Amino acid sequence: GVDKTTVETAIKTMPNYFADYDTVVNFVSVEELKKNHAELPHGGSVIR
C-alpha cells in the first residue's frame, strides 16, 4: 500500500546521500533482497 513514487522521490532528493548523484531505484520484494542482496561486497580504485 505504500506509494512507490513518493518513496522514490524521497530517495532521489535526499541531501548528502542521493541528491547529487544519478540514482536508480528498483523496487523488489523482501524475499528477493534476502536472496540476491544479502552479501556485503565492495571495492574500488585509486588512480593517480
ModelCIF file with pLDDT and N, C-alpha, C, O atoms, coordinates in Angstrom:
data_MODEL
#
_entry.id   MODEL 
#
_entity.id                         1 
_entity.type                       polymer 
_entity.pdbx_number_of_molecules   1 
#
_entity_poly.entity_id                      1 
_entity_poly.type                           'polypeptide(L)' 
_entity_poly.nstd_linkage                   no 
_entity_poly.nstd_monomer                   no 
_entity_poly.pdbx_seq_one_letter_code       GVDKTTVETAIKTMPNYFADYDTVVNFVSVEELKKNHAELPHGGSVIR 
_entity_poly.pdbx_seq_one_letter_code_can   GVDKTTVETAIKTMPNYFADYDTVVNFVSVEELKKNHAELPHGGSVIR 
_entity_poly.pdbx_strand_id                 A 
#
loop_
_entity_poly_seq.entity_id 
_entity_poly_seq.num 
_entity_poly_seq.mon_id 
_entity_poly_seq.hetero 
1 1  GLY n 
1 2  VAL n 
1 3  ASP n 
1 4  LYS n 
1 5  THR n 
1 6  THR n 
1 7  VAL n 
1 8  GLU n 
1 9  THR n 
1 10 ALA n 
1 11 ILE n 
1 12 LYS n 
1 13 THR n 
1 14 MET n 
1 15 PRO n 
1 16 ASN n 
1 17 TYR n 
1 18 PHE n 
1 19 ALA n 
1 20 ASP n 
1 21 TYR n 
1 22 ASP n 
1 23 THR n 
1 24 VAL n 
1 25 VAL n 
1 26 ASN n 
1 27 PHE n 
1 28 VAL n 
1 29 SER n 
1 30 VAL n 
1 31 GLU n 
1 32 GLU n 
1 33 LEU n 
1 34 LYS n 
1 35 LYS n 
1 36 ASN n 
1 37 HIS n 
1 38 ALA n 
1 39 GLU n 
1 40 LEU n 
1 41 PRO n 
1 42 HIS n 
1 43 GLY n 
1 44 GLY n 
1 45 SER n 
1 46 VAL n 
1 47 ILE n 
1 48 ARG n 
#
_struct_asym.id          A 
_struct_asym.entity_id   1 
#
loop_
_ma_qa_metric.id 
_ma_qa_metric.mode 
_ma_qa_metric.name 
_ma_qa_metric.software_group_id 
_ma_qa_metric.type 
1 global pLDDT . pLDDT 
2 local  pLDDT . pLDDT 
#
_ma_qa_metric_global.metric_id      1 
_ma_qa_metric_global.metric_value   96.40 
_ma_qa_metric_global.model_id       1 
_ma_qa_metric_global.ordinal_id     1 
#
loop_
_ma_qa_metric_local.label_asym_id 
_ma_qa_metric_local.label_comp_id 
_ma_qa_metric_local.label_seq_id 
_ma_qa_metric_local.metric_id 
_ma_qa_metric_local.metric_value 
_ma_qa_metric_local.model_id 
_ma_qa_metric_local.ordinal_id 
A GLY 1  2 96.00 1 1  
A VAL 2  2 97.00 1 2  
A ASP 3  2 97.00 1 3  
A LYS 4  2 97.00 1 4  
A THR 5  2 97.00 1 5  
A THR 6  2 97.00 1 6  
A VAL 7  2 98.00 1 7  
A GLU 8  2 98.00 1 8  
A THR 9  2 98.00 1 9  
A ALA 10 2 97.00 1 10 
A ILE 11 2 98.00 1 11 
A LYS 12 2 98.00 1 12 
A THR 13 2 97.00 1 13 
A MET 14 2 96.00 1 14 
A PRO 15 2 92.00 1 15 
A ASN 16 2 86.00 1 16 
A TYR 17 2 93.00 1 17 
A PHE 18 2 96.00 1 18 
A ALA 19 2 95.00 1 19 
A ASP 20 2 95.00 1 20 
A TYR 21 2 97.00 1 21 
A ASP 22 2 97.00 1 22 
A THR 23 2 98.00 1 23 
A VAL 24 2 98.00 1 24 
A VAL 25 2 98.00 1 25 
A ASN 26 2 98.00 1 26 
A PHE 27 2 98.00 1 27 
A VAL 28 2 98.00 1 28 
A SER 29 2 97.00 1 29 
A VAL 30 2 97.00 1 30 
A GLU 31 2 97.00 1 31 
A GLU 32 2 97.00 1 32 
A LEU 33 2 97.00 1 33 
A LYS 34 2 95.00 1 34 
A LYS 35 2 96.00 1 35 
A ASN 36 2 96.00 1 36 
A HIS 37 2 97.00 1 37 
A ALA 38 2 94.00 1 38 
A GLU 39 2 94.00 1 39 
A LEU 40 2 94.00 1 40 
A PRO 41 2 96.00 1 41 
A HIS 42 2 97.00 1 42 
A GLY 43 2 96.00 1 43 
A GLY 44 2 97.00 1 44 
A SER 45 2 97.00 1 45 
A VAL 46 2 98.00 1 46 
A ILE 47 2 98.00 1 47 
A ARG 48 2 97.00 1 48 
#
loop_
_atom_site.group_PDB 
_atom_site.id 
_atom_site.type_symbol 
_atom_site.label_atom_id 
_atom_site.label_alt_id 
_atom_site.label_comp_id 
_atom_site.label_asym_id 
_atom_site.label_entity_id 
_atom_site.label_seq_id 
_atom_site.pdbx_PDB_ins_code 
_atom_site.Cartn_x 
_atom_site.Cartn_y 
_atom_site.Cartn_z 
_atom_site.occupancy 
_atom_site.B_iso_or_equiv 
_atom_site.pdbx_formal_charge 
_atom_site.auth_seq_id 
_atom_site.auth_comp_id 
_atom_site.auth_asym_id 
_atom_site.auth_atom_id 
_atom_site.pdbx_PDB_model_num 
ATOM 1   N N  . GLY A 1 1  ? 0.782  -1.228  0.000   1.00 96.00 ? 1  GLY A N  1 
ATOM 2   C CA . GLY A 1 1  ? 0.000  0.000   0.000   1.00 96.00 ? 1  GLY A CA 1 
ATOM 3   C C  . GLY A 1 1  ? 0.812  1.276   0.000   1.00 96.00 ? 1  GLY A C  1 
ATOM 4   O O  . GLY A 1 1  ? 0.255  2.360   -0.173  1.00 96.00 ? 1  GLY A O  1 
ATOM 5   N N  . VAL A 1 2  ? 2.120  1.173   0.191   1.00 97.00 ? 2  VAL A N  1 
ATOM 6   C CA . VAL A 1 2  ? 2.977  2.370   0.206   1.00 97.00 ? 2  VAL A CA 1 
ATOM 7   C C  . VAL A 1 2  ? 3.143  2.881   -1.225  1.00 97.00 ? 2  VAL A C  1 
ATOM 8   O O  . VAL A 1 2  ? 3.350  2.099   -2.152  1.00 97.00 ? 2  VAL A O  1 
ATOM 9   N N  . ASP A 1 3  ? 3.050  4.192   -1.392  1.00 97.00 ? 3  ASP A N  1 
ATOM 10  C CA . ASP A 1 3  ? 3.196  4.795   -2.716  1.00 97.00 ? 3  ASP A CA 1 
ATOM 11  C C  . ASP A 1 3  ? 4.675  4.798   -3.113  1.00 97.00 ? 3  ASP A C  1 
ATOM 12  O O  . ASP A 1 3  ? 5.491  5.482   -2.495  1.00 97.00 ? 3  ASP A O  1 
ATOM 13  N N  . LYS A 1 4  ? 5.006  4.027   -4.147  1.00 97.00 ? 4  LYS A N  1 
ATOM 14  C CA . LYS A 1 4  ? 6.398  3.875   -4.555  1.00 97.00 ? 4  LYS A CA 1 
ATOM 15  C C  . LYS A 1 4  ? 6.970  5.158   -5.137  1.00 97.00 ? 4  LYS A C  1 
ATOM 16  O O  . LYS A 1 4  ? 8.160  5.437   -4.988  1.00 97.00 ? 4  LYS A O  1 
ATOM 17  N N  . THR A 1 5  ? 6.126  5.939   -5.799  1.00 97.00 ? 5  THR A N  1 
ATOM 18  C CA . THR A 1 5  ? 6.604  7.199   -6.368  1.00 97.00 ? 5  THR A CA 1 
ATOM 19  C C  . THR A 1 5  ? 7.083  8.142   -5.275  1.00 97.00 ? 5  THR A C  1 
ATOM 20  O O  . THR A 1 5  ? 8.090  8.832   -5.433  1.00 97.00 ? 5  THR A O  1 
ATOM 21  N N  . THR A 1 6  ? 6.355  8.163   -4.171  1.00 97.00 ? 6  THR A N  1 
ATOM 22  C CA . THR A 1 6  ? 6.740  9.014   -3.035  1.00 97.00 ? 6  THR A CA 1 
ATOM 23  C C  . THR A 1 6  ? 8.074  8.566   -2.445  1.00 97.00 ? 6  THR A C  1 
ATOM 24  O O  . THR A 1 6  ? 8.932  9.389   -2.126  1.00 97.00 ? 6  THR A O  1 
ATOM 25  N N  . VAL A 1 7  ? 8.236  7.255   -2.306  1.00 98.00 ? 7  VAL A N  1 
ATOM 26  C CA . VAL A 1 7  ? 9.486  6.722   -1.755  1.00 98.00 ? 7  VAL A CA 1 
ATOM 27  C C  . VAL A 1 7  ? 10.648 7.025   -2.694  1.00 98.00 ? 7  VAL A C  1 
ATOM 28  O O  . VAL A 1 7  ? 11.721 7.434   -2.251  1.00 98.00 ? 7  VAL A O  1 
ATOM 29  N N  . GLU A 1 8  ? 10.429 6.824   -3.995  1.00 98.00 ? 8  GLU A N  1 
ATOM 30  C CA . GLU A 1 8  ? 11.492 7.074   -4.965  1.00 98.00 ? 8  GLU A CA 1 
ATOM 31  C C  . GLU A 1 8  ? 11.922 8.535   -4.950  1.00 98.00 ? 8  GLU A C  1 
ATOM 32  O O  . GLU A 1 8  ? 13.114 8.836   -5.018  1.00 98.00 ? 8  GLU A O  1 
ATOM 33  N N  . THR A 1 9  ? 10.952 9.446   -4.861  1.00 98.00 ? 9  THR A N  1 
ATOM 34  C CA . THR A 1 9  ? 11.270 10.875  -4.798  1.00 98.00 ? 9  THR A CA 1 
ATOM 35  C C  . THR A 1 9  ? 12.054 11.206  -3.531  1.00 98.00 ? 9  THR A C  1 
ATOM 36  O O  . THR A 1 9  ? 12.999 11.995  -3.563  1.00 98.00 ? 9  THR A O  1 
ATOM 37  N N  . ALA A 1 10 ? 11.651 10.589  -2.403  1.00 97.00 ? 10 ALA A N  1 
ATOM 38  C CA . ALA A 1 10 ? 12.349 10.835  -1.138  1.00 97.00 ? 10 ALA A CA 1 
ATOM 39  C C  . ALA A 1 10 ? 13.799 10.385  -1.211  1.00 97.00 ? 10 ALA A C  1 
ATOM 40  O O  . ALA A 1 10 ? 14.687 11.028  -0.651  1.00 97.00 ? 10 ALA A O  1 
ATOM 41  N N  . ILE A 1 11 ? 14.035 9.275   -1.908  1.00 98.00 ? 11 ILE A N  1 
ATOM 42  C CA . ILE A 1 11 ? 15.406 8.773   -2.056  1.00 98.00 ? 11 ILE A CA 1 
ATOM 43  C C  . ILE A 1 11 ? 16.222 9.718   -2.932  1.00 98.00 ? 11 ILE A C  1 
ATOM 44  O O  . ILE A 1 11 ? 17.302 10.161  -2.539  1.00 98.00 ? 11 ILE A O  1 
ATOM 45  N N  . LYS A 1 12 ? 15.705 10.025  -4.115  1.00 98.00 ? 12 LYS A N  1 
ATOM 46  C CA . LYS A 1 12 ? 16.475 10.786  -5.101  1.00 98.00 ? 12 LYS A CA 1 
ATOM 47  C C  . LYS A 1 12 ? 16.747 12.225  -4.673  1.00 98.00 ? 12 LYS A C  1 
ATOM 48  O O  . LYS A 1 12 ? 17.696 12.844  -5.154  1.00 98.00 ? 12 LYS A O  1 
ATOM 49  N N  . THR A 1 13 ? 15.934 12.757  -3.784  1.00 97.00 ? 13 THR A N  1 
ATOM 50  C CA . THR A 1 13 ? 16.123 14.147  -3.347  1.00 97.00 ? 13 THR A CA 1 
ATOM 51  C C  . THR A 1 13 ? 16.779 14.251  -1.975  1.00 97.00 ? 13 THR A C  1 
ATOM 52  O O  . THR A 1 13 ? 16.895 15.350  -1.434  1.00 97.00 ? 13 THR A O  1 
ATOM 53  N N  . MET A 1 14 ? 17.210 13.130  -1.405  1.00 96.00 ? 14 MET A N  1 
ATOM 54  C CA . MET A 1 14 ? 17.780 13.134  -0.058  1.00 96.00 ? 14 MET A CA 1 
ATOM 55  C C  . MET A 1 14 ? 19.132 13.843  -0.058  1.00 96.00 ? 14 MET A C  1 
ATOM 56  O O  . MET A 1 14 ? 20.066 13.379  -0.711  1.00 96.00 ? 14 MET A O  1 
ATOM 57  N N  . PRO A 1 15 ? 19.255 14.962  0.664   1.00 92.00 ? 15 PRO A N  1 
ATOM 58  C CA . PRO A 1 15 ? 20.532 15.697  0.675   1.00 92.00 ? 15 PRO A CA 1 
ATOM 59  C C  . PRO A 1 15 ? 21.632 14.890  1.353   1.00 92.00 ? 15 PRO A C  1 
ATOM 60  O O  . PRO A 1 15 ? 21.368 14.094  2.254   1.00 92.00 ? 15 PRO A O  1 
ATOM 61  N N  . ASN A 1 16 ? 22.865 15.105  0.909   1.00 86.00 ? 16 ASN A N  1 
ATOM 62  C CA . ASN A 1 16 ? 24.069 14.473  1.443   1.00 86.00 ? 16 ASN A CA 1 
ATOM 63  C C  . ASN A 1 16 ? 24.195 12.990  1.097   1.00 86.00 ? 16 ASN A C  1 
ATOM 64  O O  . ASN A 1 16 ? 25.243 12.390  1.336   1.00 86.00 ? 16 ASN A O  1 
ATOM 65  N N  . TYR A 1 17 ? 23.147 12.395  0.541   1.00 93.00 ? 17 TYR A N  1 
ATOM 66  C CA . TYR A 1 17 ? 23.188 10.972  0.215   1.00 93.00 ? 17 TYR A CA 1 
ATOM 67  C C  . TYR A 1 17 ? 22.962 10.718  -1.282  1.00 93.00 ? 17 TYR A C  1 
ATOM 68  O O  . TYR A 1 17 ? 23.766 10.043  -1.926  1.00 93.00 ? 17 TYR A O  1 
ATOM 69  N N  . PHE A 1 18 ? 21.859 11.265  -1.838  1.00 96.00 ? 18 PHE A N  1 
ATOM 70  C CA . PHE A 1 18 ? 21.493 10.924  -3.207  1.00 96.00 ? 18 PHE A CA 1 
ATOM 71  C C  . PHE A 1 18 ? 21.266 12.119  -4.133  1.00 96.00 ? 18 PHE A C  1 
ATOM 72  O O  . PHE A 1 18 ? 21.325 11.976  -5.354  1.00 96.00 ? 18 PHE A O  1 
ATOM 73  N N  . ALA A 1 19 ? 21.009 13.290  -3.561  1.00 95.00 ? 19 ALA A N  1 
ATOM 74  C CA . ALA A 1 19 ? 20.604 14.432  -4.382  1.00 95.00 ? 19 ALA A CA 1 
ATOM 75  C C  . ALA A 1 19 ? 21.654 14.830  -5.423  1.00 95.00 ? 19 ALA A C  1 
ATOM 76  O O  . ALA A 1 19 ? 21.306 15.352  -6.482  1.00 95.00 ? 19 ALA A O  1 
ATOM 77  N N  . ASP A 1 20 ? 22.924 14.588  -5.132  1.00 95.00 ? 20 ASP A N  1 
ATOM 78  C CA . ASP A 1 20 ? 23.999 14.997  -6.044  1.00 95.00 ? 20 ASP A CA 1 
ATOM 79  C C  . ASP A 1 20 ? 24.412 13.909  -7.023  1.00 95.00 ? 20 ASP A C  1 
ATOM 80  O O  . ASP A 1 20 ? 25.401 14.059  -7.741  1.00 95.00 ? 20 ASP A O  1 
ATOM 81  N N  . TYR A 1 21 ? 23.652 12.804  -7.056  1.00 97.00 ? 21 TYR A N  1 
ATOM 82  C CA . TYR A 1 21 ? 24.024 11.662  -7.890  1.00 97.00 ? 21 TYR A CA 1 
ATOM 83  C C  . TYR A 1 21 ? 22.883 11.266  -8.835  1.00 97.00 ? 21 TYR A C  1 
ATOM 84  O O  . TYR A 1 21 ? 21.712 11.521  -8.552  1.00 97.00 ? 21 TYR A O  1 
ATOM 85  N N  . ASP A 1 22 ? 23.242 10.643  -9.952  1.00 97.00 ? 22 ASP A N  1 
ATOM 86  C CA . ASP A 1 22 ? 22.248 9.922   -10.735 1.00 97.00 ? 22 ASP A CA 1 
ATOM 87  C C  . ASP A 1 22 ? 21.893 8.677   -9.931  1.00 97.00 ? 22 ASP A C  1 
ATOM 88  O O  . ASP A 1 22 ? 22.768 7.888   -9.575  1.00 97.00 ? 22 ASP A O  1 
ATOM 89  N N  . THR A 1 23 ? 20.616 8.510   -9.649  1.00 98.00 ? 23 THR A N  1 
ATOM 90  C CA . THR A 1 23 ? 20.162 7.439   -8.764  1.00 98.00 ? 23 THR A CA 1 
ATOM 91  C C  . THR A 1 23 ? 19.086 6.609   -9.449  1.00 98.00 ? 23 THR A C  1 
ATOM 92  O O  . THR A 1 23 ? 18.129 7.151   -10.000 1.00 98.00 ? 23 THR A O  1 
ATOM 93  N N  . VAL A 1 24 ? 19.251 5.285   -9.409  1.00 98.00 ? 24 VAL A N  1 
ATOM 94  C CA . VAL A 1 24 ? 18.278 4.363   -9.966  1.00 98.00 ? 24 VAL A CA 1 
ATOM 95  C C  . VAL A 1 24 ? 17.637 3.597   -8.815  1.00 98.00 ? 24 VAL A C  1 
ATOM 96  O O  . VAL A 1 24 ? 18.342 3.026   -7.983  1.00 98.00 ? 24 VAL A O  1 
ATOM 97  N N  . VAL A 1 25 ? 16.304 3.580   -8.761  1.00 98.00 ? 25 VAL A N  1 
ATOM 98  C CA . VAL A 1 25 ? 15.582 2.897   -7.695  1.00 98.00 ? 25 VAL A CA 1 
ATOM 99  C C  . VAL A 1 25 ? 14.823 1.703   -8.274  1.00 98.00 ? 25 VAL A C  1 
ATOM 100 O O  . VAL A 1 25 ? 13.985 1.864   -9.161  1.00 98.00 ? 25 VAL A O  1 
ATOM 101 N N  . ASN A 1 26 ? 15.117 0.515   -7.771  1.00 98.00 ? 26 ASN A N  1 
ATOM 102 C CA . ASN A 1 26 ? 14.443 -0.707  -8.186  1.00 98.00 ? 26 ASN A CA 1 
ATOM 103 C C  . ASN A 1 26 ? 13.639 -1.247  -7.010  1.00 98.00 ? 26 ASN A C  1 
ATOM 104 O O  . ASN A 1 26 ? 14.198 -1.513  -5.946  1.00 98.00 ? 26 ASN A O  1 
ATOM 105 N N  . PHE A 1 27 ? 12.344 -1.409  -7.193  1.00 98.00 ? 27 PHE A N  1 
ATOM 106 C CA . PHE A 1 27 ? 11.504 -1.946  -6.124  1.00 98.00 ? 27 PHE A CA 1 
ATOM 107 C C  . PHE A 1 27 ? 11.421 -3.460  -6.260  1.00 98.00 ? 27 PHE A C  1 
ATOM 108 O O  . PHE A 1 27 ? 11.065 -3.986  -7.315  1.00 98.00 ? 27 PHE A O  1 
ATOM 109 N N  . VAL A 1 28 ? 11.754 -4.149  -5.179  1.00 98.00 ? 28 VAL A N  1 
ATOM 110 C CA . VAL A 1 28 ? 11.764 -5.608  -5.158  1.00 98.00 ? 28 VAL A CA 1 
ATOM 111 C C  . VAL A 1 28 ? 11.099 -6.094  -3.879  1.00 98.00 ? 28 VAL A C  1 
ATOM 112 O O  . VAL A 1 28 ? 10.783 -5.302  -2.991  1.00 98.00 ? 28 VAL A O  1 
ATOM 113 N N  . SER A 1 29 ? 10.890 -7.405  -3.797  1.00 97.00 ? 29 SER A N  1 
ATOM 114 C CA . SER A 1 29 ? 10.299 -7.983  -2.592  1.00 97.00 ? 29 SER A CA 1 
ATOM 115 C C  . SER A 1 29 ? 11.365 -8.191  -1.521  1.00 97.00 ? 29 SER A C  1 
ATOM 116 O O  . SER A 1 29 ? 12.559 -8.207  -1.816  1.00 97.00 ? 29 SER A O  1 
ATOM 117 N N  . VAL A 1 30 ? 10.922 -8.348  -0.278  1.00 97.00 ? 30 VAL A N  1 
ATOM 118 C CA . VAL A 1 30 ? 11.846 -8.648  0.817   1.00 97.00 ? 30 VAL A CA 1 
ATOM 119 C C  . VAL A 1 30 ? 12.575 -9.955  0.546   1.00 97.00 ? 30 VAL A C  1 
ATOM 120 O O  . VAL A 1 30 ? 13.761 -10.096 0.846   1.00 97.00 ? 30 VAL A O  1 
ATOM 121 N N  . GLU A 1 31 ? 11.843 -10.913 -0.029  1.00 97.00 ? 31 GLU A N  1 
ATOM 122 C CA . GLU A 1 31 ? 12.440 -12.216 -0.333  1.00 97.00 ? 31 GLU A CA 1 
ATOM 123 C C  . GLU A 1 31 ? 13.572 -12.082 -1.353  1.00 97.00 ? 31 GLU A C  1 
ATOM 124 O O  . GLU A 1 31 ? 14.616 -12.721 -1.218  1.00 97.00 ? 31 GLU A O  1 
ATOM 125 N N  . GLU A 1 32 ? 13.358 -11.245 -2.374  1.00 97.00 ? 32 GLU A N  1 
ATOM 126 C CA . GLU A 1 32 ? 14.398 -11.045 -3.387  1.00 97.00 ? 32 GLU A CA 1 
ATOM 127 C C  . GLU A 1 32 ? 15.619 -10.348 -2.793  1.00 97.00 ? 32 GLU A C  1 
ATOM 128 O O  . GLU A 1 32 ? 16.755 -10.663 -3.147  1.00 97.00 ? 32 GLU A O  1 
ATOM 129 N N  . LEU A 1 33 ? 15.377 -9.399  -1.887  1.00 97.00 ? 33 LEU A N  1 
ATOM 130 C CA . LEU A 1 33 ? 16.500 -8.739  -1.222  1.00 97.00 ? 33 LEU A CA 1 
ATOM 131 C C  . LEU A 1 33 ? 17.345 -9.758  -0.455  1.00 97.00 ? 33 LEU A C  1 
ATOM 132 O O  . LEU A 1 33 ? 18.572 -9.758  -0.548  1.00 97.00 ? 33 LEU A O  1 
ATOM 133 N N  . LYS A 1 34 ? 16.677 -10.618 0.297   1.00 95.00 ? 34 LYS A N  1 
ATOM 134 C CA . LYS A 1 34 ? 17.395 -11.606 1.089   1.00 95.00 ? 34 LYS A CA 1 
ATOM 135 C C  . LYS A 1 34 ? 18.135 -12.598 0.200   1.00 95.00 ? 34 LYS A C  1 
ATOM 136 O O  . LYS A 1 34 ? 19.234 -13.037 0.541   1.00 95.00 ? 34 LYS A O  1 
ATOM 137 N N  . LYS A 1 35 ? 17.540 -12.954 -0.942  1.00 96.00 ? 35 LYS A N  1 
ATOM 138 C CA . LYS A 1 35 ? 18.133 -13.948 -1.829  1.00 96.00 ? 35 LYS A CA 1 
ATOM 139 C C  . LYS A 1 35 ? 19.305 -13.395 -2.628  1.00 96.00 ? 35 LYS A C  1 
ATOM 140 O O  . LYS A 1 35 ? 20.346 -14.041 -2.744  1.00 96.00 ? 35 LYS A O  1 
ATOM 141 N N  . ASN A 1 36 ? 19.133 -12.196 -3.178  1.00 96.00 ? 36 ASN A N  1 
ATOM 142 C CA . ASN A 1 36 ? 20.109 -11.660 -4.133  1.00 96.00 ? 36 ASN A CA 1 
ATOM 143 C C  . ASN A 1 36 ? 20.996 -10.545 -3.598  1.00 96.00 ? 36 ASN A C  1 
ATOM 144 O O  . ASN A 1 36 ? 21.978 -10.179 -4.245  1.00 96.00 ? 36 ASN A O  1 
ATOM 145 N N  . HIS A 1 37 ? 20.667 -9.993  -2.421  1.00 97.00 ? 37 HIS A N  1 
ATOM 146 C CA . HIS A 1 37 ? 21.408 -8.820  -1.948  1.00 97.00 ? 37 HIS A CA 1 
ATOM 147 C C  . HIS A 1 37 ? 21.765 -8.919  -0.464  1.00 97.00 ? 37 HIS A C  1 
ATOM 148 O O  . HIS A 1 37 ? 21.820 -7.909  0.238   1.00 97.00 ? 37 HIS A O  1 
ATOM 149 N N  . ALA A 1 38 ? 22.005 -10.139 0.002   1.00 94.00 ? 38 ALA A N  1 
ATOM 150 C CA . ALA A 1 38 ? 22.318 -10.322 1.418   1.00 94.00 ? 38 ALA A CA 1 
ATOM 151 C C  . ALA A 1 38 ? 23.797 -10.107 1.735   1.00 94.00 ? 38 ALA A C  1 
ATOM 152 O O  . ALA A 1 38 ? 24.152 -9.837  2.882   1.00 94.00 ? 38 ALA A O  1 
ATOM 153 N N  . GLU A 1 39 ? 24.656 -10.223 0.728   1.00 94.00 ? 39 GLU A N  1 
ATOM 154 C CA . GLU A 1 39 ? 26.093 -10.103 0.959   1.00 94.00 ? 39 GLU A CA 1 
ATOM 155 C C  . GLU A 1 39 ? 26.524 -8.637  1.021   1.00 94.00 ? 39 GLU A C  1 
ATOM 156 O O  . GLU A 1 39 ? 25.748 -7.732  0.716   1.00 94.00 ? 39 GLU A O  1 
ATOM 157 N N  . LEU A 1 40 ? 27.787 -8.423  1.425   1.00 94.00 ? 40 LEU A N  1 
ATOM 158 C CA . LEU A 1 40 ? 28.317 -7.057  1.572   1.00 94.00 ? 40 LEU A CA 1 
ATOM 159 C C  . LEU A 1 40 ? 29.600 -6.886  0.761   1.00 94.00 ? 40 LEU A C  1 
ATOM 160 O O  . LEU A 1 40 ? 30.665 -6.655  1.333   1.00 94.00 ? 40 LEU A O  1 
ATOM 161 N N  . PRO A 1 41 ? 29.508 -6.999  -0.578  1.00 96.00 ? 41 PRO A N  1 
ATOM 162 C CA . PRO A 1 41 ? 30.694 -6.796  -1.414  1.00 96.00 ? 41 PRO A CA 1 
ATOM 163 C C  . PRO A 1 41 ? 31.054 -5.312  -1.503  1.00 96.00 ? 41 PRO A C  1 
ATOM 164 O O  . PRO A 1 41 ? 30.212 -4.447  -1.263  1.00 96.00 ? 41 PRO A O  1 
ATOM 165 N N  . HIS A 1 42 ? 32.292 -5.030  -1.845  1.00 97.00 ? 42 HIS A N  1 
ATOM 166 C CA . HIS A 1 42 ? 32.689 -3.640  -2.108  1.00 97.00 ? 42 HIS A CA 1 
ATOM 167 C C  . HIS A 1 42 ? 34.039 -3.647  -2.824  1.00 97.00 ? 42 HIS A C  1 
ATOM 168 O O  . HIS A 1 42 ? 34.525 -4.694  -3.254  1.00 97.00 ? 42 HIS A O  1 
ATOM 169 N N  . GLY A 1 43 ? 34.620 -2.487  -2.939  1.00 96.00 ? 43 GLY A N  1 
ATOM 170 C CA . GLY A 1 43 ? 35.907 -2.353  -3.604  1.00 96.00 ? 43 GLY A CA 1 
ATOM 171 C C  . GLY A 1 43 ? 36.059 -0.970  -4.197  1.00 96.00 ? 43 GLY A C  1 
ATOM 172 O O  . GLY A 1 43 ? 35.374 -0.027  -3.801  1.00 96.00 ? 43 GLY A O  1 
ATOM 173 N N  . GLY A 1 44 ? 36.968 -0.861  -5.154  1.00 97.00 ? 44 GLY A N  1 
ATOM 174 C CA . GLY A 1 44 ? 37.178 0.423   -5.794  1.00 97.00 ? 44 GLY A CA 1 
ATOM 175 C C  . GLY A 1 44 ? 38.613 0.570   -6.265  1.00 97.00 ? 44 GLY A C  1 
ATOM 176 O O  . GLY A 1 44 ? 39.403 -0.373  -6.224  1.00 97.00 ? 44 GLY A O  1 
ATOM 177 N N  . SER A 1 45 ? 38.932 1.781   -6.715  1.00 97.00 ? 45 SER A N  1 
ATOM 178 C CA . SER A 1 45 ? 40.257 2.052   -7.281  1.00 97.00 ? 45 SER A CA 1 
ATOM 179 C C  . SER A 1 45 ? 40.745 3.441   -6.879  1.00 97.00 ? 45 SER A C  1 
ATOM 180 O O  . SER A 1 45 ? 39.967 4.392   -6.797  1.00 97.00 ? 45 SER A O  1 
ATOM 181 N N  . VAL A 1 46 ? 42.039 3.533   -6.634  1.00 98.00 ? 46 VAL A N  1 
ATOM 182 C CA . VAL A 1 46 ? 42.728 4.818   -6.501  1.00 98.00 ? 46 VAL A CA 1 
ATOM 183 C C  . VAL A 1 46 ? 43.641 4.949   -7.713  1.00 98.00 ? 46 VAL A C  1 
ATOM 184 O O  . VAL A 1 46 ? 44.495 4.096   -7.953  1.00 98.00 ? 46 VAL A O  1 
ATOM 185 N N  . ILE A 1 47 ? 43.457 6.015   -8.468  1.00 98.00 ? 47 ILE A N  1 
ATOM 186 C CA . ILE A 1 47 ? 44.235 6.219   -9.687  1.00 98.00 ? 47 ILE A CA 1 
ATOM 187 C C  . ILE A 1 47 ? 44.919 7.580   -9.617  1.00 98.00 ? 47 ILE A C  1 
ATOM 188 O O  . ILE A 1 47 ? 44.284 8.595   -9.332  1.00 98.00 ? 47 ILE A O  1 
ATOM 189 N N  . ARG A 1 48 ? 46.211 7.584   -9.878  1.00 97.00 ? 48 ARG A N  1 
ATOM 190 C CA . ARG A 1 48 ? 46.969 8.842   -9.987  1.00 97.00 ? 48 ARG A CA 1 
ATOM 191 C C  . ARG A 1 48 ? 47.376 8.988   -11.446 1.00 97.00 ? 48 ARG A C  1 
ATOM 192 O O  . ARG A 1 48 ? 48.028 9.967   -11.811 1.00 97.00 ? 48 ARG A O  1 
#
